[in-house]
Amino acid sequence: CDSRSLSIAAASVIRRRKPNISRTIREIGAFTRIFLQFVALTQSIFIQGK
C-alpha cells in the first residue's frame, strides 16, 4: 500500500509541469508520512534483531 502510493506520488511529480503549491505540500506530507513509517519499521526491526 505504501509503495503503491509512493509510486503514484512520484509519477504525479514527474508528470507535473506547472508548480502547484498546495499539491506539492500534500505530496511532501505524503512522502514524510511514508518516510516516518519506514524509519519506525526499520527501528523496530533493528531493536528486535538486537
Protein backbone atom coordinates (compact mmCIF):
# COMPACT_ATOMS: atom_id res chain seq x y z
CA CYS A 1 0.00 0.00 0.00
CA ASP A 2 2.78 2.43 0.94
CA SER A 3 4.95 1.56 -2.07
CA ARG A 4 1.93 1.93 -4.37
CA SER A 5 1.03 5.37 -3.04
CA LEU A 6 4.71 6.33 -3.20
CA SER A 7 4.93 5.34 -6.87
CA ILE A 8 1.70 7.23 -7.61
CA ALA A 9 3.07 10.35 -5.93
CA ALA A 10 6.37 10.01 -7.81
CA ALA A 11 4.50 9.63 -11.11
CA SER A 12 2.42 12.72 -10.37
CA VAL A 13 5.59 14.66 -9.53
CA ILE A 14 7.21 13.58 -12.80
CA ARG A 15 4.06 14.32 -14.81
CA ARG A 16 3.56 17.77 -13.27
CA ARG A 17 4.92 20.65 -15.36
CA LYS A 18 3.48 23.76 -13.70
CA PRO A 19 4.15 24.21 -9.97
CA ASN A 20 1.11 23.66 -7.79
CA ILE A 21 1.86 24.79 -4.23
CA SER A 22 -0.96 23.01 -2.42
CA ARG A 23 -0.38 19.77 -4.31
CA THR A 24 3.35 19.99 -3.65
CA ILE A 25 2.71 20.49 0.07
CA ARG A 26 0.36 17.50 0.09
CA GLU A 27 2.94 15.36 -1.74
CA ILE A 28 5.67 16.42 0.68
CA GLY A 29 3.37 15.47 3.57
CA ALA A 30 2.69 12.07 2.00
CA PHE A 31 6.41 11.45 1.42
CA THR A 32 7.15 12.49 5.02
CA ARG A 33 4.48 10.16 6.39
CA ILE A 34 5.79 7.22 4.33
CA PHE A 35 9.38 8.04 5.32
CA LEU A 36 8.50 8.18 9.03
CA GLN A 37 6.64 4.86 8.76
CA PHE A 38 9.70 3.34 7.06
CA VAL A 39 12.03 4.69 9.76
CA ALA A 40 9.79 3.36 12.54
CA LEU A 41 9.63 -0.05 10.85
CA THR A 42 13.41 -0.14 10.42
CA GLN A 43 13.99 0.85 14.05
CA SER A 44 11.58 -1.83 15.32
CA ILE A 45 13.31 -4.48 13.18
CA PHE A 46 16.72 -3.30 14.40
CA ILE A 47 15.63 -3.38 18.05
CA GLN A 48 14.11 -6.86 17.63
CA GLY A 49 17.30 -8.04 15.90
CA LYS A 50 19.33 -6.88 18.90
